[in-house]
Amino acid sequence: MSNGIHFFNNKIKFVVQDKSMLKRWITEVIRDNEKIPGEINFIITSDKVLQKINLKYLNTDTYTDIITFALSEEQEIVSGDIYLSIERIAENSEKYRVTLEEELRRILIHGILHLLGYDDIAANEKKKMTRLENKYLKVFSRL
């Protein structure tokens, strides 16, 4: 199995800054959870594309900032496709008064946490994920 962390644009123009640093950080987070990084694709796209994916695969007709598909057949390997709406991320960065890059990092790690098996449906699960996001965002700031 090949491995790597990749960033793609789909029907948008957006440049991810500091890709090598992000890849190092994501790898560190995965290893911190005693897993092995596999093939991880971040597909940065529009609200419209994510809404279609949401409707097709999750039967929900709403905007969202992230949809994660785990693709690994081996439990110890973390692989998947993570679709991100840059429009939702930009709107949330304004809402939470953080930079676009900070909000992007939060959403990237949110997707990785999903691939690691964490969920955010129940309130207690959401709190746990938010705590982990905050923990790993601090790790990024020390890189």
C-alpha atoms as a PDB file:
ATOM      1  CA  MET A   1       0.000   0.000   0.000  1.00  0.00           C
ATOM      2  CA  SER A   2       1.392   3.389  -0.924  1.00  0.00           C
ATOM      3  CA  ASN A   3       1.067   6.137   1.578  1.00  0.00           C
ATOM      4  CA  GLY A   4       1.060   9.847   1.656  1.00  0.00           C
ATOM      5  CA  ILE A   5      -0.933  12.912   2.507  1.00  0.00           C
ATOM      6  CA  HIS A   6      -2.157  14.855  -0.494  1.00  0.00           C
ATOM      7  CA  PHE A   7      -4.046  18.087  -1.065  1.00  0.00           C
ATOM      8  CA  PHE A   8      -6.275  18.576  -4.109  1.00  0.00           C
ATOM      9  CA  ASN A   9      -8.564  21.316  -5.354  1.00  0.00           C
ATOM     10  CA  ASN A  10     -11.878  20.466  -6.954  1.00  0.00           C
ATOM     11  CA  LYS A  11     -13.637  23.244  -8.879  1.00  0.00           C
ATOM     12  CA  ILE A  12     -12.017  26.006  -6.808  1.00  0.00           C
ATOM     13  CA  LYS A  13      -8.809  27.982  -6.717  1.00  0.00           C
ATOM     14  CA  PHE A  14      -7.152  27.768  -3.338  1.00  0.00           C
ATOM     15  CA  VAL A  15      -3.543  27.265  -2.323  1.00  0.00           C
ATOM     16  CA  VAL A  16      -2.823  25.355   0.876  1.00  0.00           C
ATOM     17  CA  GLN A  17       0.097  27.014   2.657  1.00  0.00           C
ATOM     18  CA  ASP A  18       2.860  25.085   4.462  1.00  0.00           C
ATOM     19  CA  LYS A  19       1.908  21.670   3.061  1.00  0.00           C
ATOM     20  CA  SER A  20       5.059  19.958   4.294  1.00  0.00           C
ATOM     21  CA  MET A  21       4.490  21.257   7.823  1.00  0.00           C
ATOM     22  CA  LEU A  22       0.831  20.159   7.719  1.00  0.00           C
ATOM     23  CA  LYS A  23       1.840  16.699   6.514  1.00  0.00           C
ATOM     24  CA  ARG A  24       4.398  16.363   9.317  1.00  0.00           C
ATOM     25  CA  TRP A  25       1.798  17.488  11.869  1.00  0.00           C
ATOM     26  CA  ILE A  26      -0.912  15.127  10.605  1.00  0.00           C
ATOM     27  CA  THR A  27       1.560  12.235  10.624  1.00  0.00           C
ATOM     28  CA  GLU A  28       2.496  13.082  14.223  1.00  0.00           C
ATOM     29  CA  VAL A  29      -1.186  13.138  15.271  1.00  0.00           C
ATOM     30  CA  ILE A  30      -1.820   9.753  13.669  1.00  0.00           C
ATOM     31  CA  ARG A  31       1.249   8.229  15.314  1.00  0.00           C
ATOM     32  CA  ASP A  32       0.248   9.773  18.651  1.00  0.00           C
ATOM     33  CA  ASN A  33      -2.904   7.652  18.338  1.00  0.00           C
ATOM     34  CA  GLU A  34      -0.750   4.560  17.743  1.00  0.00           C
ATOM     35  CA  LYS A  35      -1.796   4.228  14.106  1.00  0.00           C
ATOM     36  CA  ILE A  36       0.090   4.215  10.815  1.00  0.00           C
ATOM     37  CA  PRO A  37      -0.479   6.947   8.214  1.00  0.00           C
ATOM     38  CA  GLY A  38      -1.730   5.529   4.941  1.00  0.00           C
ATOM     39  CA  GLU A  39      -3.118   7.287   1.886  1.00  0.00           C
ATOM     40  CA  ILE A  40      -4.977  10.452   2.923  1.00  0.00           C
ATOM     41  CA  ASN A  41      -6.486  12.801   0.370  1.00  0.00           C
ATOM     42  CA  PHE A  42      -7.792  16.223   1.319  1.00  0.00           C
ATOM     43  CA  ILE A  43     -10.084  17.471  -1.439  1.00  0.00           C
ATOM     44  CA  ILE A  44     -10.789  21.173  -1.051  1.00  0.00           C
ATOM     45  CA  THR A  45     -13.920  22.147  -2.893  1.00  0.00           C
ATOM     46  CA  SER A  46     -17.065  24.283  -2.834  1.00  0.00           C
ATOM     47  CA  ASP A  47     -20.292  24.279  -0.837  1.00  0.00           C
ATOM     48  CA  LYS A  48     -22.141  23.058  -3.901  1.00  0.00           C
ATOM     49  CA  VAL A  49     -19.925  19.991  -4.352  1.00  0.00           C
ATOM     50  CA  LEU A  50     -20.053  19.081  -0.653  1.00  0.00           C
ATOM     51  CA  GLN A  51     -23.822  19.527  -0.612  1.00  0.00           C
ATOM     52  CA  LYS A  52     -24.123  17.026  -3.491  1.00  0.00           C
ATOM     53  CA  ILE A  53     -21.855  14.543  -1.702  1.00  0.00           C
ATOM     54  CA  ASN A  54     -23.831  15.052   1.507  1.00  0.00           C
ATOM     55  CA  LEU A  55     -27.101  14.329  -0.303  1.00  0.00           C
ATOM     56  CA  LYS A  56     -25.775  11.333  -2.251  1.00  0.00           C
ATOM     57  CA  TYR A  57     -23.942   9.511   0.550  1.00  0.00           C
ATOM     58  CA  LEU A  58     -25.504  10.807   3.772  1.00  0.00           C
ATOM     59  CA  ASN A  59     -29.012  11.618   2.523  1.00  0.00           C
ATOM     60  CA  THR A  60     -28.754  15.130   3.993  1.00  0.00           C
ATOM     61  CA  ASP A  61     -29.405  18.225   1.890  1.00  0.00           C
ATOM     62  CA  THR A  62     -27.379  20.784   3.824  1.00  0.00           C
ATOM     63  CA  TYR A  63     -24.099  22.618   3.641  1.00  0.00           C
ATOM     64  CA  THR A  64     -21.256  21.265   5.748  1.00  0.00           C
ATOM     65  CA  ASP A  65     -17.587  22.074   6.154  1.00  0.00           C
ATOM     66  CA  ILE A  66     -16.312  18.479   6.009  1.00  0.00           C
ATOM     67  CA  ILE A  67     -17.227  14.981   4.905  1.00  0.00           C
ATOM     68  CA  THR A  68     -14.859  12.134   5.689  1.00  0.00           C
ATOM     69  CA  PHE A  69     -14.691   8.720   4.054  1.00  0.00           C
ATOM     70  CA  ALA A  70     -12.504   6.139   5.787  1.00  0.00           C
ATOM     71  CA  LEU A  71     -10.938   3.852   3.187  1.00  0.00           C
ATOM     72  CA  SER A  72      -8.568   1.599   5.092  1.00  0.00           C
ATOM     73  CA  GLU A  73      -9.301  -2.091   5.358  1.00  0.00           C
ATOM     74  CA  GLU A  74      -6.663  -2.465   8.054  1.00  0.00           C
ATOM     75  CA  GLN A  75      -7.531  -1.083  11.483  1.00  0.00           C
ATOM     76  CA  GLU A  76      -4.017   0.161  12.262  1.00  0.00           C
ATOM     77  CA  ILE A  77      -3.679   2.112   9.005  1.00  0.00           C
ATOM     78  CA  VAL A  78      -5.356   5.497   8.643  1.00  0.00           C
ATOM     79  CA  SER A  79      -6.479   6.148   5.070  1.00  0.00           C
ATOM     80  CA  GLY A  80      -9.340   8.090   3.575  1.00  0.00           C
ATOM     81  CA  ASP A  81     -10.727  10.915   1.508  1.00  0.00           C
ATOM     82  CA  ILE A  82     -11.613  14.111   3.331  1.00  0.00           C
ATOM     83  CA  TYR A  83     -13.732  16.653   1.457  1.00  0.00           C
ATOM     84  CA  LEU A  84     -13.618  20.233   2.713  1.00  0.00           C
ATOM     85  CA  SER A  85     -15.731  23.237   1.745  1.00  0.00           C
ATOM     86  CA  ILE A  86     -13.479  26.265   1.615  1.00  0.00           C
ATOM     87  CA  GLU A  87     -16.587  28.475   1.693  1.00  0.00           C
ATOM     88  CA  ARG A  88     -17.756  26.986   5.020  1.00  0.00           C
ATOM     89  CA  ILE A  89     -14.218  27.195   6.395  1.00  0.00           C
ATOM     90  CA  ALA A  90     -13.955  30.867   5.400  1.00  0.00           C
ATOM     91  CA  GLU A  91     -17.356  31.640   6.926  1.00  0.00           C
ATOM     92  CA  ASN A  92     -16.432  29.829  10.155  1.00  0.00           C
ATOM     93  CA  SER A  93     -13.108  31.639  10.362  1.00  0.00           C
ATOM     94  CA  GLU A  94     -15.015  34.937  10.392  1.00  0.00           C
ATOM     95  CA  LYS A  95     -17.622  33.601  12.815  1.00  0.00           C
ATOM     96  CA  TYR A  96     -14.990  32.370  15.289  1.00  0.00           C
ATOM     97  CA  ARG A  97     -12.632  35.285  14.614  1.00  0.00           C
ATOM     98  CA  VAL A  98      -9.638  33.197  13.608  1.00  0.00           C
ATOM     99  CA  THR A  99      -7.582  33.276  10.447  1.00  0.00           C
ATOM    100  CA  LEU A 100      -8.551  31.135   7.491  1.00  0.00           C
ATOM    101  CA  GLU A 101      -5.385  29.077   8.028  1.00  0.00           C
ATOM    102  CA  GLU A 102      -6.275  28.427  11.688  1.00  0.00           C
ATOM    103  CA  GLU A 103      -9.780  27.290  10.803  1.00  0.00           C
ATOM    104  CA  LEU A 104      -8.442  25.141   7.971  1.00  0.00           C
ATOM    105  CA  ARG A 105      -6.059  23.410  10.396  1.00  0.00           C
ATOM    106  CA  ARG A 106      -8.959  22.752  12.808  1.00  0.00           C
ATOM    107  CA  ILE A 107     -11.024  21.194  10.044  1.00  0.00           C
ATOM    108  CA  LEU A 108      -8.078  19.159   8.723  1.00  0.00           C
ATOM    109  CA  ILE A 109      -7.463  17.654  12.143  1.00  0.00           C
ATOM    110  CA  HIS A 110     -11.206  17.165  12.654  1.00  0.00           C
ATOM    111  CA  GLY A 111     -11.203  14.963   9.551  1.00  0.00           C
ATOM    112  CA  ILE A 112      -8.173  13.035  10.789  1.00  0.00           C
ATOM    113  CA  LEU A 113      -9.911  12.447  14.128  1.00  0.00           C
ATOM    114  CA  HIS A 114     -12.867  10.978  12.218  1.00  0.00           C
ATOM    115  CA  LEU A 115     -10.476   8.658  10.368  1.00  0.00           C
ATOM    116  CA  LEU A 116      -9.027   7.670  13.745  1.00  0.00           C
ATOM    117  CA  GLY A 117     -12.509   6.572  14.822  1.00  0.00           C
ATOM    118  CA  TYR A 118     -13.763   9.569  16.768  1.00  0.00           C
ATOM    119  CA  ASP A 119     -17.288  10.818  16.200  1.00  0.00           C
ATOM    120  CA  ASP A 120     -19.170  13.995  17.014  1.00  0.00           C
ATOM    121  CA  ILE A 121     -22.835  13.044  16.832  1.00  0.00           C
ATOM    122  CA  ALA A 122     -23.540  12.986  20.576  1.00  0.00           C
ATOM    123  CA  ALA A 123     -22.752  16.056  22.702  1.00  0.00           C
ATOM    124  CA  ASN A 124     -20.153  14.227  24.827  1.00  0.00           C
ATOM    125  CA  GLU A 125     -18.416  12.920  21.681  1.00  0.00           C
ATOM    126  CA  LYS A 126     -18.382  16.417  20.209  1.00  0.00           C
ATOM    127  CA  LYS A 127     -16.774  17.800  23.384  1.00  0.00           C
ATOM    128  CA  LYS A 128     -14.116  15.092  23.282  1.00  0.00           C
ATOM    129  CA  MET A 129     -13.331  15.844  19.635  1.00  0.00           C
ATOM    130  CA  THR A 130     -13.099  19.574  20.344  1.00  0.00           C
ATOM    131  CA  ARG A 131     -10.672  18.883  23.224  1.00  0.00           C
ATOM    132  CA  LEU A 132      -8.551  16.735  20.919  1.00  0.00           C
ATOM    133  CA  GLU A 133      -8.650  19.369  18.167  1.00  0.00           C
ATOM    134  CA  ASN A 134      -7.412  21.952  20.661  1.00  0.00           C
ATOM    135  CA  LYS A 135      -4.693  19.598  21.910  1.00  0.00           C
ATOM    136  CA  TYR A 136      -3.406  18.914  18.400  1.00  0.00           C
ATOM    137  CA  LEU A 137      -3.648  22.557  17.315  1.00  0.00           C
ATOM    138  CA  LYS A 138      -1.224  23.322  20.159  1.00  0.00           C
ATOM    139  CA  VAL A 139       1.090  20.613  18.814  1.00  0.00           C
ATOM    140  CA  PHE A 140       1.026  22.344  15.414  1.00  0.00           C
ATOM    141  CA  SER A 141       1.972  25.673  16.954  1.00  0.00           C
ATOM    142  CA  ARG A 142       5.111  24.045  18.427  1.00  0.00           C
ATOM    143  CA  LEU A 143       6.341  22.627  15.115  1.00  0.00           C
END
